[in-house]
Amino acid sequence: MKKYLLVLLVLLVPSKSAKAQLGPREEIPFVPTPIEVVDRMLELAEVKKGDVVYDLGSGDGRIVIRAAKKYGVRAIGIEMDRSLLDKARKDAKAAGVSHLVQFRAEDAMKTDLSKATVVTLYMLPWFNEAIKPSLQKNLKPGARIVAHDFGIEGWEPDKTEKLSEIEIKPGGLRHQHTLFLWRISN
């Protein structure tokens, strides 16, 4: 009987590391950004030669790959899902930009952003709020942040843009994409 109680306790009481992985704040689903939205995000950020683009929660790497291919810039994707990282690396190779891009299996909250001149986000509001201290600490004046659909609470964007094209999602749901731009000042 003691053996069964011990097994039951082990199953019911999560470990510290299990607790860190549980909860709604940890679950950010991969939702692919339409390529037209990717292009507008990069245009809004005014990506130019010499920029270093970081995409936090880079998913299949489409923003990173597009920035490298279209603007010839270095771009880094931060993603925790290994299968998405594998796909991103494969797609970067197929696009001929492997020499310009890097995909890292990292927790975006712990990523050193000090080399970034542009940061892109398509994350949930809690993440955008939680990443603020890292953005403030690491980004230099002139750096740009572009968020897709979710702003950063407490930060007034320098520009907000609702895209005119309405995306029709499965089941007939309609979605109008919104982009937010912030410029880091002195």
Protein backbone atom coordinates (compact mmCIF):
# COMPACT_ATOMS: atom_id res chain seq x y z
CA MET A 1 0.00 0.00 0.00
CA LYS A 2 2.86 2.41 0.83
CA LYS A 3 4.38 1.73 -2.58
CA TYR A 4 1.12 2.73 -4.32
CA LEU A 5 0.81 5.92 -2.25
CA LEU A 6 4.37 6.90 -3.12
CA VAL A 7 3.72 6.38 -6.84
CA LEU A 8 0.49 8.35 -6.56
CA LEU A 9 2.27 11.22 -4.78
CA VAL A 10 5.01 11.31 -7.40
CA LEU A 11 2.38 11.53 -10.13
CA LEU A 12 0.28 14.18 -8.38
CA VAL A 13 3.01 16.51 -7.10
CA PRO A 14 4.79 18.12 -10.04
CA SER A 15 8.49 18.72 -9.81
CA LYS A 16 9.94 22.21 -9.93
CA SER A 17 10.89 21.76 -13.59
CA ALA A 18 7.45 20.39 -14.44
CA LYS A 19 5.83 23.40 -12.78
CA ALA A 20 7.97 25.68 -14.91
CA GLN A 21 6.61 24.02 -18.05
CA LEU A 22 2.95 24.05 -17.07
CA GLY A 23 0.40 26.81 -17.18
CA PRO A 24 -1.22 29.01 -19.78
CA ARG A 25 1.66 31.50 -19.71
CA GLU A 26 3.97 28.87 -21.16
CA GLU A 27 1.87 27.75 -24.11
CA ILE A 28 2.33 29.84 -27.24
CA PRO A 29 1.02 28.03 -30.30
CA PHE A 30 2.70 28.20 -33.68
CA VAL A 31 0.51 30.25 -36.00
CA PRO A 32 2.19 30.91 -39.35
CA THR A 33 2.33 34.57 -40.36
CA PRO A 34 1.08 35.06 -43.94
CA ILE A 35 3.94 36.11 -46.23
CA GLU A 36 2.21 39.42 -47.07
CA VAL A 37 2.22 40.23 -43.34
CA VAL A 38 5.87 39.17 -43.03
CA ASP A 39 6.76 41.58 -45.85
CA ARG A 40 4.85 44.43 -44.25
CA MET A 41 6.47 43.78 -40.84
CA LEU A 42 9.93 44.05 -42.41
CA GLU A 43 8.93 47.15 -44.40
CA LEU A 44 7.49 48.80 -41.29
CA ALA A 45 10.77 48.13 -39.48
CA GLU A 46 12.60 49.70 -42.43
CA VAL A 47 15.04 46.79 -42.57
CA LYS A 48 18.21 47.79 -44.39
CA LYS A 49 21.69 46.47 -45.13
CA GLY A 50 23.65 46.12 -41.89
CA ASP A 51 20.61 45.33 -39.72
CA VAL A 52 20.48 42.23 -37.56
CA VAL A 53 16.93 40.87 -37.28
CA TYR A 54 15.87 38.70 -34.35
CA ASP A 55 12.56 36.87 -34.57
CA LEU A 56 11.40 35.68 -31.14
CA GLY A 57 9.28 32.56 -31.48
CA SER A 58 10.44 32.13 -35.07
CA GLY A 59 8.38 29.03 -35.81
CA ASP A 60 9.19 27.73 -39.28
CA GLY A 61 11.64 30.60 -39.86
CA ARG A 62 9.70 32.49 -42.50
CA ILE A 63 10.46 35.99 -41.12
CA VAL A 64 14.16 35.21 -40.69
CA ILE A 65 14.46 33.65 -44.14
CA ARG A 66 12.52 36.48 -45.81
CA ALA A 67 14.65 39.17 -44.13
CA ALA A 68 17.84 37.46 -45.30
CA LYS A 69 16.60 36.80 -48.83
CA LYS A 70 14.90 40.15 -49.48
CA TYR A 71 17.29 42.50 -47.66
CA GLY A 72 20.54 40.52 -47.46
CA VAL A 73 20.72 40.99 -43.68
CA ARG A 74 21.80 38.65 -40.93
CA ALA A 75 18.80 37.20 -39.12
CA ILE A 76 18.43 35.00 -36.07
CA GLY A 77 15.40 32.91 -35.18
CA ILE A 78 14.75 31.94 -31.58
CA GLU A 79 12.48 28.92 -31.19
CA MET A 80 12.00 26.11 -28.69
CA ASP A 81 10.25 23.56 -30.94
CA ARG A 82 12.95 21.32 -32.43
CA SER A 83 10.81 20.16 -35.37
CA LEU A 84 10.13 23.79 -36.37
CA LEU A 85 13.85 24.55 -36.06
CA ASP A 86 14.65 21.60 -38.35
CA LYS A 87 12.11 22.85 -40.91
CA ALA A 88 13.48 26.40 -40.70
CA ARG A 89 17.05 25.24 -41.29
CA LYS A 90 15.97 23.10 -44.24
CA ASP A 91 13.94 25.98 -45.74
CA ALA A 92 16.85 28.42 -45.26
CA LYS A 93 19.14 26.05 -47.13
CA ALA A 94 16.59 25.69 -49.95
CA ALA A 95 16.27 29.51 -50.12
CA GLY A 96 20.07 29.88 -50.35
CA VAL A 97 20.39 32.00 -47.19
CA SER A 98 21.97 29.55 -44.72
CA HIS A 99 25.08 31.74 -44.60
CA LEU A 100 23.00 34.71 -43.35
CA VAL A 101 20.69 33.01 -40.86
CA GLN A 102 20.92 31.17 -37.62
CA PHE A 103 18.19 29.28 -35.77
CA ARG A 104 18.67 28.75 -32.05
CA ALA A 105 16.89 26.42 -29.67
CA GLU A 106 16.57 28.96 -26.86
CA ASP A 107 14.10 30.40 -24.43
CA ALA A 108 13.40 33.84 -25.90
CA MET A 109 13.13 35.28 -22.39
CA LYS A 110 16.82 34.47 -21.86
CA THR A 111 18.14 35.43 -25.29
CA ASP A 112 20.82 38.11 -25.51
CA LEU A 113 19.27 40.74 -27.79
CA SER A 114 22.16 43.20 -27.61
CA LYS A 115 23.15 42.64 -31.28
CA ALA A 116 19.60 43.08 -32.60
CA THR A 117 18.68 46.18 -34.55
CA VAL A 118 15.22 44.78 -35.38
CA VAL A 119 13.10 42.45 -33.22
CA THR A 120 9.93 40.84 -34.55
CA LEU A 121 7.26 39.24 -32.39
CA TYR A 122 4.08 37.26 -32.98
CA MET A 123 3.59 36.27 -29.39
CA LEU A 124 0.80 36.45 -26.84
CA PRO A 125 0.26 39.56 -24.68
CA TRP A 126 1.76 37.99 -21.53
CA PHE A 127 5.00 37.28 -23.42
CA ASN A 128 5.20 40.78 -24.88
CA GLU A 129 4.76 42.19 -21.37
CA ALA A 130 7.36 39.83 -19.89
CA ILE A 131 10.00 40.54 -22.57
CA LYS A 132 9.89 44.34 -21.99
CA PRO A 133 12.79 44.42 -19.48
CA SER A 134 15.03 42.51 -21.89
CA LEU A 135 14.11 44.81 -24.77
CA GLN A 136 14.75 47.90 -22.62
CA LYS A 137 18.06 46.59 -21.29
CA ASN A 138 19.52 45.16 -24.50
CA LEU A 139 18.33 47.20 -27.46
CA LYS A 140 20.32 50.22 -28.48
CA PRO A 141 18.85 53.55 -29.60
CA GLY A 142 17.54 53.25 -33.16
CA ALA A 143 16.52 49.60 -32.79
CA ARG A 144 13.02 48.76 -33.96
CA ILE A 145 10.45 46.31 -32.60
CA VAL A 146 7.54 45.11 -34.72
CA ALA A 147 4.79 43.06 -33.08
CA HIS A 148 2.03 41.27 -34.97
CA ASP A 149 -1.53 41.42 -33.60
CA PHE A 150 -0.56 41.96 -29.94
CA GLY A 151 0.93 45.18 -28.60
CA ILE A 152 3.14 45.68 -25.59
CA GLU A 153 1.09 46.86 -22.64
CA GLY A 154 2.19 50.21 -21.30
CA TRP A 155 4.20 51.09 -24.42
CA GLU A 156 2.66 53.51 -26.87
CA PRO A 157 3.61 52.35 -30.37
CA ASP A 158 5.27 54.82 -32.72
CA LYS A 159 2.98 53.43 -35.39
CA THR A 160 -0.01 51.08 -35.52
CA GLU A 161 -1.13 49.70 -38.84
CA LYS A 162 -4.21 47.62 -39.60
CA LEU A 163 -3.62 45.77 -42.84
CA SER A 164 -6.38 46.25 -45.38
CA GLU A 165 -6.57 42.65 -46.54
CA ILE A 166 -8.82 40.42 -44.43
CA GLU A 167 -7.56 36.85 -44.00
CA ILE A 168 -10.23 34.15 -44.18
CA LYS A 169 -9.27 31.39 -41.76
CA PRO A 170 -10.55 27.80 -41.65
CA GLY A 171 -14.22 27.72 -40.70
CA GLY A 172 -14.79 31.11 -42.36
CA LEU A 173 -13.36 33.17 -39.50
CA ARG A 174 -12.14 36.59 -40.64
CA HIS A 175 -8.98 38.17 -39.31
CA GLN A 176 -7.57 41.64 -39.89
CA HIS A 177 -3.88 41.73 -39.03
CA THR A 178 -2.54 44.62 -36.95
CA LEU A 179 1.12 45.60 -36.72
CA PHE A 180 2.77 47.70 -34.02
CA LEU A 181 6.11 49.50 -34.38
CA TRP A 182 8.30 50.90 -31.62
CA ARG A 183 11.62 52.69 -32.07
CA ILE A 184 14.07 52.62 -29.18
CA SER A 185 15.11 56.15 -28.33
CA ASN A 186 17.96 57.50 -26.18
